[in-house]
N, C-alpha and C. Protein backbone atom coordinates (compact mmCIF):
# COMPACT_ATOMS: atom_id res chain seq x y z
N VAL A 1 8.73 -103.52 -23.84
CA VAL A 1 8.78 -102.63 -22.69
C VAL A 1 8.05 -101.36 -23.07
N HIS A 2 7.16 -100.94 -22.23
CA HIS A 2 6.51 -99.65 -22.39
C HIS A 2 6.90 -98.82 -21.17
N ALA A 3 7.73 -97.83 -21.37
CA ALA A 3 8.11 -96.92 -20.29
C ALA A 3 7.13 -95.76 -20.34
N CYS A 4 6.35 -95.61 -19.29
CA CYS A 4 5.22 -94.68 -19.34
C CYS A 4 5.56 -93.25 -18.94
N SER A 5 6.81 -92.94 -18.67
CA SER A 5 7.13 -91.58 -18.29
C SER A 5 8.59 -91.27 -18.56
N ASP A 6 8.84 -90.03 -18.98
CA ASP A 6 10.21 -89.56 -19.13
C ASP A 6 10.75 -89.05 -17.80
N THR A 7 9.88 -88.86 -16.84
CA THR A 7 10.29 -88.39 -15.52
C THR A 7 9.68 -89.29 -14.46
N ASP A 8 10.26 -89.29 -13.28
CA ASP A 8 9.74 -90.09 -12.17
C ASP A 8 8.57 -89.35 -11.55
N VAL A 9 7.36 -89.87 -11.76
CA VAL A 9 6.16 -89.21 -11.24
C VAL A 9 5.67 -89.86 -9.95
N SER A 10 6.38 -90.85 -9.46
CA SER A 10 5.89 -91.59 -8.29
C SER A 10 5.80 -90.72 -7.04
N GLU A 11 6.58 -89.66 -6.97
CA GLU A 11 6.56 -88.79 -5.79
C GLU A 11 5.64 -87.59 -5.97
N TRP A 12 5.05 -87.41 -7.14
CA TRP A 12 4.20 -86.25 -7.39
C TRP A 12 2.87 -86.41 -6.68
N PRO A 13 2.41 -85.37 -5.98
CA PRO A 13 1.09 -85.46 -5.33
C PRO A 13 -0.02 -85.52 -6.38
N GLY A 14 -1.02 -86.32 -6.11
CA GLY A 14 -2.17 -86.41 -6.99
C GLY A 14 -2.03 -87.37 -8.15
N ILE A 15 -0.88 -88.00 -8.30
CA ILE A 15 -0.69 -88.97 -9.39
C ILE A 15 -1.15 -90.33 -8.90
N ASP A 16 -2.11 -90.90 -9.59
CA ASP A 16 -2.65 -92.22 -9.24
C ASP A 16 -1.84 -93.28 -10.00
N ILE A 17 -0.83 -93.83 -9.32
CA ILE A 17 0.07 -94.79 -9.97
C ILE A 17 -0.68 -96.02 -10.49
N PRO A 18 -1.58 -96.65 -9.72
CA PRO A 18 -2.30 -97.81 -10.28
C PRO A 18 -3.09 -97.46 -11.54
N ALA A 19 -3.72 -96.29 -11.58
CA ALA A 19 -4.48 -95.89 -12.78
C ALA A 19 -3.53 -95.64 -13.94
N THR A 20 -2.40 -95.00 -13.67
CA THR A 20 -1.40 -94.75 -14.71
C THR A 20 -0.87 -96.07 -15.25
N ASP A 21 -0.59 -97.01 -14.36
CA ASP A 21 -0.11 -98.33 -14.76
C ASP A 21 -1.14 -99.04 -15.62
N SER A 22 -2.39 -98.96 -15.23
CA SER A 22 -3.46 -99.61 -15.98
C SER A 22 -3.59 -99.02 -17.38
N MET A 23 -3.52 -97.70 -17.49
CA MET A 23 -3.60 -97.05 -18.80
C MET A 23 -2.40 -97.44 -19.66
N ALA A 24 -1.22 -97.51 -19.06
CA ALA A 24 -0.02 -97.88 -19.81
C ALA A 24 -0.13 -99.31 -20.32
N ARG A 25 -0.69 -100.21 -19.51
CA ARG A 25 -0.88 -101.59 -19.96
C ARG A 25 -1.87 -101.67 -21.13
N GLU A 26 -2.89 -100.82 -21.10
CA GLU A 26 -3.84 -100.78 -22.21
C GLU A 26 -3.16 -100.30 -23.49
N VAL A 27 -2.33 -99.26 -23.37
CA VAL A 27 -1.58 -98.75 -24.52
C VAL A 27 -0.69 -99.84 -25.09
N LEU A 28 0.02 -100.54 -24.22
CA LEU A 28 0.91 -101.62 -24.66
C LEU A 28 0.12 -102.72 -25.37
N ALA A 29 -1.02 -103.11 -24.81
CA ALA A 29 -1.85 -104.15 -25.42
C ALA A 29 -2.33 -103.71 -26.81
N GLU A 30 -2.72 -102.44 -26.94
CA GLU A 30 -3.17 -101.93 -28.24
C GLU A 30 -2.03 -101.97 -29.26
N ARG A 31 -0.84 -101.60 -28.83
CA ARG A 31 0.30 -101.56 -29.75
C ARG A 31 0.75 -102.95 -30.17
N LEU A 32 0.52 -103.94 -29.32
CA LEU A 32 0.92 -105.32 -29.64
C LEU A 32 -0.20 -106.11 -30.31
N ALA A 33 -1.40 -105.53 -30.34
CA ALA A 33 -2.56 -106.25 -30.89
C ALA A 33 -2.27 -106.74 -32.30
N GLY A 34 -2.51 -108.02 -32.50
CA GLY A 34 -2.32 -108.62 -33.81
C GLY A 34 -0.94 -109.18 -34.07
N TRP A 35 0.07 -108.62 -33.43
CA TRP A 35 1.44 -109.07 -33.70
C TRP A 35 1.69 -110.48 -33.18
N GLN A 36 1.19 -110.80 -32.00
CA GLN A 36 1.41 -112.14 -31.46
C GLN A 36 0.67 -113.19 -32.28
N GLU A 37 -0.50 -112.84 -32.81
CA GLU A 37 -1.21 -113.77 -33.67
C GLU A 37 -0.47 -113.93 -35.00
N ARG A 38 0.10 -112.85 -35.48
CA ARG A 38 0.81 -112.87 -36.76
C ARG A 38 2.14 -113.61 -36.66
N TYR A 39 2.79 -113.49 -35.53
CA TYR A 39 4.10 -114.13 -35.31
C TYR A 39 4.07 -114.95 -34.02
N PRO A 40 3.36 -116.08 -34.02
CA PRO A 40 3.17 -116.85 -32.78
C PRO A 40 4.44 -117.46 -32.22
N ASP A 41 5.48 -117.63 -33.03
CA ASP A 41 6.72 -118.24 -32.54
C ASP A 41 7.66 -117.24 -31.87
N VAL A 42 7.31 -115.96 -31.92
CA VAL A 42 8.15 -114.94 -31.30
C VAL A 42 7.67 -114.70 -29.88
N PRO A 43 8.52 -115.02 -28.89
CA PRO A 43 8.10 -114.81 -27.50
C PRO A 43 8.03 -113.31 -27.17
N VAL A 44 6.98 -112.91 -26.48
CA VAL A 44 6.80 -111.52 -26.10
C VAL A 44 6.54 -111.46 -24.60
N ALA A 45 7.36 -110.68 -23.91
CA ALA A 45 7.14 -110.42 -22.49
C ALA A 45 6.70 -108.97 -22.37
N ARG A 46 5.54 -108.75 -21.78
CA ARG A 46 5.00 -107.39 -21.65
C ARG A 46 5.45 -106.80 -20.32
N ASN A 47 6.13 -105.67 -20.39
CA ASN A 47 6.61 -104.99 -19.19
C ASN A 47 6.24 -103.52 -19.25
N VAL A 48 5.65 -103.02 -18.18
CA VAL A 48 5.31 -101.61 -18.06
C VAL A 48 6.09 -101.06 -16.88
N VAL A 49 6.80 -99.98 -17.11
CA VAL A 49 7.59 -99.35 -16.04
C VAL A 49 7.42 -97.83 -16.12
N CYS A 50 7.53 -97.18 -14.99
CA CYS A 50 7.55 -95.72 -14.95
C CYS A 50 9.00 -95.29 -14.84
N ASP A 51 9.61 -95.05 -15.98
CA ASP A 51 11.03 -94.68 -16.04
C ASP A 51 11.29 -94.09 -17.41
N LYS A 52 12.47 -93.54 -17.58
CA LYS A 52 12.87 -93.01 -18.87
C LYS A 52 13.02 -94.17 -19.85
N PRO A 53 12.38 -94.09 -21.03
CA PRO A 53 12.43 -95.20 -21.98
C PRO A 53 13.84 -95.62 -22.37
N ALA A 54 14.71 -94.67 -22.68
CA ALA A 54 16.08 -95.03 -23.10
C ALA A 54 16.81 -95.77 -21.99
N HIS A 55 16.66 -95.31 -20.77
CA HIS A 55 17.33 -95.96 -19.63
C HIS A 55 16.87 -97.41 -19.50
N GLN A 56 15.56 -97.63 -19.54
CA GLN A 56 15.03 -98.99 -19.40
C GLN A 56 15.50 -99.90 -20.53
N LEU A 57 15.46 -99.40 -21.76
CA LEU A 57 15.86 -100.24 -22.90
C LEU A 57 17.34 -100.57 -22.87
N VAL A 58 18.18 -99.62 -22.49
CA VAL A 58 19.62 -99.89 -22.39
C VAL A 58 19.87 -100.92 -21.28
N GLN A 59 19.22 -100.76 -20.13
CA GLN A 59 19.39 -101.72 -19.04
C GLN A 59 18.93 -103.12 -19.45
N ARG A 60 17.80 -103.19 -20.11
CA ARG A 60 17.24 -104.49 -20.51
C ARG A 60 17.98 -105.11 -21.69
N SER A 61 18.78 -104.32 -22.39
CA SER A 61 19.54 -104.86 -23.52
C SER A 61 20.58 -105.88 -23.06
N LYS A 62 20.94 -105.82 -21.79
CA LYS A 62 21.94 -106.76 -21.26
C LYS A 62 21.42 -108.21 -21.30
N ALA A 63 20.10 -108.37 -21.32
CA ALA A 63 19.51 -109.71 -21.33
C ALA A 63 18.76 -110.00 -22.64
N ALA A 64 18.96 -109.14 -23.65
CA ALA A 64 18.23 -109.29 -24.91
C ALA A 64 19.15 -109.76 -26.03
N GLN A 65 18.54 -110.18 -27.12
CA GLN A 65 19.29 -110.53 -28.33
C GLN A 65 19.21 -109.42 -29.37
N LEU A 66 18.13 -108.63 -29.29
CA LEU A 66 17.89 -107.56 -30.26
C LEU A 66 16.93 -106.55 -29.64
N ILE A 67 17.14 -105.27 -29.94
CA ILE A 67 16.23 -104.22 -29.51
C ILE A 67 15.65 -103.58 -30.77
N VAL A 68 14.33 -103.40 -30.79
CA VAL A 68 13.67 -102.70 -31.89
C VAL A 68 12.95 -101.50 -31.29
N VAL A 69 13.26 -100.31 -31.81
CA VAL A 69 12.60 -99.09 -31.33
C VAL A 69 12.03 -98.33 -32.53
N GLY A 70 11.04 -97.52 -32.26
CA GLY A 70 10.47 -96.68 -33.31
C GLY A 70 11.36 -95.48 -33.59
N SER A 71 11.18 -94.90 -34.77
CA SER A 71 12.04 -93.78 -35.16
C SER A 71 11.43 -92.43 -34.84
N ARG A 72 10.18 -92.38 -34.50
CA ARG A 72 9.51 -91.10 -34.32
C ARG A 72 9.85 -90.48 -32.98
N GLY A 73 10.55 -89.39 -33.03
CA GLY A 73 10.87 -88.66 -31.82
C GLY A 73 9.79 -87.67 -31.47
N ARG A 74 9.86 -87.12 -30.28
CA ARG A 74 8.90 -86.11 -29.86
C ARG A 74 9.52 -84.73 -29.87
N GLY A 75 10.80 -84.65 -30.21
CA GLY A 75 11.47 -83.36 -30.24
C GLY A 75 11.31 -82.69 -31.59
N GLY A 76 12.04 -81.61 -31.81
CA GLY A 76 11.99 -80.88 -33.07
C GLY A 76 12.45 -81.74 -34.24
N PHE A 77 11.95 -81.43 -35.42
CA PHE A 77 12.29 -82.16 -36.64
C PHE A 77 12.00 -83.65 -36.51
N ALA A 78 10.96 -84.00 -35.77
CA ALA A 78 10.66 -85.40 -35.46
C ALA A 78 10.47 -86.26 -36.71
N GLU A 79 9.97 -85.68 -37.77
CA GLU A 79 9.74 -86.47 -38.98
C GLU A 79 11.03 -86.81 -39.71
N MET A 80 12.09 -86.02 -39.48
CA MET A 80 13.32 -86.21 -40.24
C MET A 80 14.40 -86.97 -39.48
N LEU A 81 14.36 -86.95 -38.18
CA LEU A 81 15.45 -87.49 -37.38
C LEU A 81 15.03 -88.71 -36.58
N VAL A 82 16.01 -89.50 -36.21
CA VAL A 82 15.76 -90.58 -35.25
C VAL A 82 15.46 -89.91 -33.92
N GLY A 83 14.48 -90.40 -33.20
CA GLY A 83 14.15 -89.83 -31.90
C GLY A 83 15.29 -89.99 -30.91
N SER A 84 15.24 -89.22 -29.85
CA SER A 84 16.31 -89.26 -28.85
C SER A 84 16.42 -90.62 -28.19
N VAL A 85 15.29 -91.31 -27.99
CA VAL A 85 15.34 -92.65 -27.40
C VAL A 85 16.05 -93.60 -28.35
N GLY A 86 15.66 -93.60 -29.61
CA GLY A 86 16.30 -94.47 -30.60
C GLY A 86 17.78 -94.21 -30.71
N GLU A 87 18.15 -92.94 -30.73
CA GLU A 87 19.57 -92.59 -30.84
C GLU A 87 20.36 -93.05 -29.62
N THR A 88 19.83 -92.79 -28.43
CA THR A 88 20.51 -93.20 -27.20
C THR A 88 20.65 -94.71 -27.12
N VAL A 89 19.57 -95.42 -27.41
CA VAL A 89 19.60 -96.88 -27.34
C VAL A 89 20.58 -97.44 -28.37
N ALA A 90 20.58 -96.89 -29.58
CA ALA A 90 21.50 -97.37 -30.62
C ALA A 90 22.95 -97.19 -30.20
N GLN A 91 23.25 -96.13 -29.47
CA GLN A 91 24.62 -95.86 -29.05
C GLN A 91 25.03 -96.65 -27.81
N MET A 92 24.08 -96.93 -26.92
CA MET A 92 24.43 -97.48 -25.61
C MET A 92 24.06 -98.95 -25.39
N ALA A 93 23.20 -99.52 -26.22
CA ALA A 93 22.72 -100.89 -25.99
C ALA A 93 23.85 -101.90 -26.14
N GLN A 94 23.69 -103.03 -25.47
CA GLN A 94 24.67 -104.11 -25.48
C GLN A 94 24.45 -105.09 -26.64
N VAL A 95 23.38 -104.88 -27.41
CA VAL A 95 23.02 -105.78 -28.51
C VAL A 95 22.67 -104.95 -29.75
N PRO A 96 22.51 -105.60 -30.91
CA PRO A 96 22.10 -104.85 -32.09
C PRO A 96 20.76 -104.15 -31.88
N VAL A 97 20.61 -103.00 -32.54
CA VAL A 97 19.39 -102.19 -32.42
C VAL A 97 18.85 -101.91 -33.82
N ILE A 98 17.56 -102.11 -33.99
CA ILE A 98 16.88 -101.73 -35.23
C ILE A 98 16.00 -100.53 -34.90
N VAL A 99 16.16 -99.45 -35.65
CA VAL A 99 15.30 -98.28 -35.52
C VAL A 99 14.35 -98.32 -36.71
N ALA A 100 13.07 -98.56 -36.44
CA ALA A 100 12.09 -98.80 -37.50
C ALA A 100 11.08 -97.67 -37.60
N ARG A 101 10.73 -97.31 -38.83
CA ARG A 101 9.67 -96.34 -39.06
C ARG A 101 8.32 -97.05 -39.01
N ALA A 102 7.31 -96.32 -38.57
CA ALA A 102 5.96 -96.87 -38.58
C ALA A 102 5.48 -96.99 -40.02
N SER A 103 4.62 -97.94 -40.27
CA SER A 103 4.06 -98.12 -41.61
C SER A 103 3.19 -96.93 -41.97
N VAL A 104 3.21 -96.54 -43.22
CA VAL A 104 2.40 -95.42 -43.67
C VAL A 104 1.05 -95.90 -44.20
N ALA A 105 0.81 -97.19 -44.15
CA ALA A 105 -0.42 -97.76 -44.72
C ALA A 105 -1.65 -97.39 -43.96
């Protein structure tokens, strides 16, 4: 799931939702590039939504077996702490949650 906004921008004047959706799909494709080839037996469903990431992940956890989120937050002390999305999902999800750091390689 790629949630492309922390706020609902659908009502904002001048926001081109189809263009925003297209850019979000490109970002998602880039982030998944190589993983499906590396792990072909792992099913991946690509979903792009304009919603708060934590809300979407918690809602979708009801139909999941596992949630994996990144650890990098966008708030203060981002390098030292679990991000707010990771923290919220870990506390509220209906399934186990893995908070993973990005590779430093």
